[in-house]
Protein backbone atom coordinates (compact mmCIF):
# COMPACT_ATOMS: atom_id res chain seq x y z
CA MET A 1 19.52 34.39 -52.40
CA LEU A 2 21.21 31.15 -51.37
CA ARG A 3 22.59 32.77 -48.24
CA TRP A 4 19.11 34.04 -47.29
CA PHE A 5 17.62 30.58 -47.86
CA SER A 6 20.36 28.95 -45.76
CA ARG A 7 19.68 31.31 -42.87
CA PHE A 8 15.94 30.78 -43.17
CA LEU A 9 16.43 27.02 -43.19
CA LEU A 10 18.75 27.22 -40.18
CA VAL A 11 16.27 29.34 -38.21
CA ALA A 12 13.40 27.02 -39.19
CA LEU A 13 15.38 23.97 -38.08
CA LEU A 14 16.28 25.66 -34.79
CA ILE A 15 12.61 26.50 -34.17
CA ILE A 16 11.56 22.94 -34.98
CA LEU A 17 14.32 21.59 -32.73
CA SER A 18 13.18 23.90 -29.93
CA VAL A 19 9.57 22.78 -30.29
CA VAL A 20 10.52 19.10 -30.35
CA THR A 21 12.85 19.51 -27.37
CA THR A 22 10.16 21.34 -25.40
CA ALA A 23 7.58 18.69 -26.23
CA LEU A 24 9.95 15.90 -25.21
CA PHE A 25 10.76 17.69 -21.97
CA LEU A 26 7.07 18.10 -21.16
CA VAL A 27 6.41 14.43 -21.86
CA TRP A 28 9.43 13.42 -19.78
CA SER A 29 8.41 15.63 -16.83
CA GLN A 30 4.84 14.26 -16.90
CA THR A 31 6.18 10.71 -17.03
CA ARG A 32 8.51 11.47 -14.11
CA ARG A 33 5.60 12.78 -12.01
CA GLU A 34 3.52 9.71 -12.82
CA TYR A 35 6.44 7.45 -11.92
CA ALA A 36 6.86 9.24 -8.57
CA ALA A 37 3.14 8.82 -7.85
CA PHE A 38 3.25 5.11 -8.74
CA GLU A 39 6.36 4.65 -6.61
CA ALA A 40 4.62 6.24 -3.63
CA ARG A 41 1.62 3.97 -4.16
CA ARG A 42 3.93 0.94 -4.39
CA VAL A 43 5.64 1.83 -1.12
CA GLU A 44 2.25 2.30 0.55
CA ALA A 45 1.00 -1.01 -0.83
CA GLU A 46 4.13 -2.81 0.40
CA ALA A 47 3.65 -1.36 3.89
CA GLN A 48 0.03 -2.45 3.86
CA LEU A 49 1.06 -5.91 2.66
CA ALA A 50 3.61 -6.22 5.47
CA ALA A 51 0.95 -5.22 8.02
CA LEU A 52 -1.49 -7.76 6.60
CA ARG A 53 1.15 -10.49 6.66
CA ALA A 54 1.92 -9.71 10.31
CA GLU A 55 -1.80 -9.79 11.14
CA ARG A 56 -2.18 -13.12 9.34
CA GLN A 57 0.80 -14.55 11.23
CA HIS A 58 -0.69 -13.39 14.53
CA LYS A 59 -4.03 -15.02 13.68
CA GLU A 60 -2.34 -18.25 12.61
CA ASP A 61 -0.41 -18.34 15.89
CA TYR A 62 -3.62 -17.68 17.82
CA LEU A 63 -5.42 -20.50 15.96
CA ARG A 64 -2.51 -22.87 16.48
CA THR A 65 -2.52 -22.10 20.22
CA PHE A 66 -6.30 -22.43 20.38
CA LEU A 67 -6.21 -25.85 18.73
CA SER A 68 -3.19 -27.22 20.61
CA GLU A 69 -3.77 -25.98 24.16
CA PRO A 70 -7.08 -27.04 25.72
CA GLU A 71 -6.68 -24.66 28.69
CA PHE A 72 -6.33 -21.69 26.37
CA ALA A 73 -9.34 -22.79 24.32
CA GLU A 74 -11.43 -23.21 27.47
CA ARG A 75 -10.47 -19.76 28.76
CA VAL A 76 -11.30 -18.14 25.42
CA ILE A 77 -14.64 -19.92 25.18
CA ARG A 78 -15.54 -18.92 28.73
CA GLU A 79 -14.50 -15.29 28.33
CA ARG A 80 -15.88 -14.60 24.87
CA MET A 81 -18.95 -16.80 24.76
CA GLY A 82 -19.89 -16.83 28.44
CA TYR A 83 -19.92 -20.60 28.78
CA VAL A 84 -19.82 -22.12 32.26
CA ALA A 85 -19.25 -25.65 33.47
CA PRO A 86 -22.20 -27.50 35.03
CA GLY A 87 -22.63 -26.49 38.66
CA GLU A 88 -20.68 -23.21 38.31
CA VAL A 89 -22.17 -19.85 39.19
CA VAL A 90 -20.99 -16.77 37.32
CA PHE A 91 -21.15 -13.30 38.82
CA ARG A 92 -21.04 -10.40 36.39
CA PHE A 93 -20.41 -6.89 37.55
CA GLU A 94 -21.14 -3.78 35.54
CA ASN A 95 -18.45 -1.15 35.30
CA PRO A 96 -19.64 2.22 36.67
């Protein structure tokens, strides 16, 4: 009787161990997939951040040039806003 109970207990413990191990493996694999997804999102966000920083730097350089160089500012104002100096005549041609 004791031998039968020992075997039953051993089998029961092995089954419980198998169930616990399987559950832990499933949780671990799900966590690993989530980590990989978050890592991919982090890399994408860092790339986007780098692009935004480069764009900001370009705009700061443009503003600095605009404020420090009057010739550049005048050219930009003329080209983008269509301003002309008194007495100037502007000819505009349409592209075919």
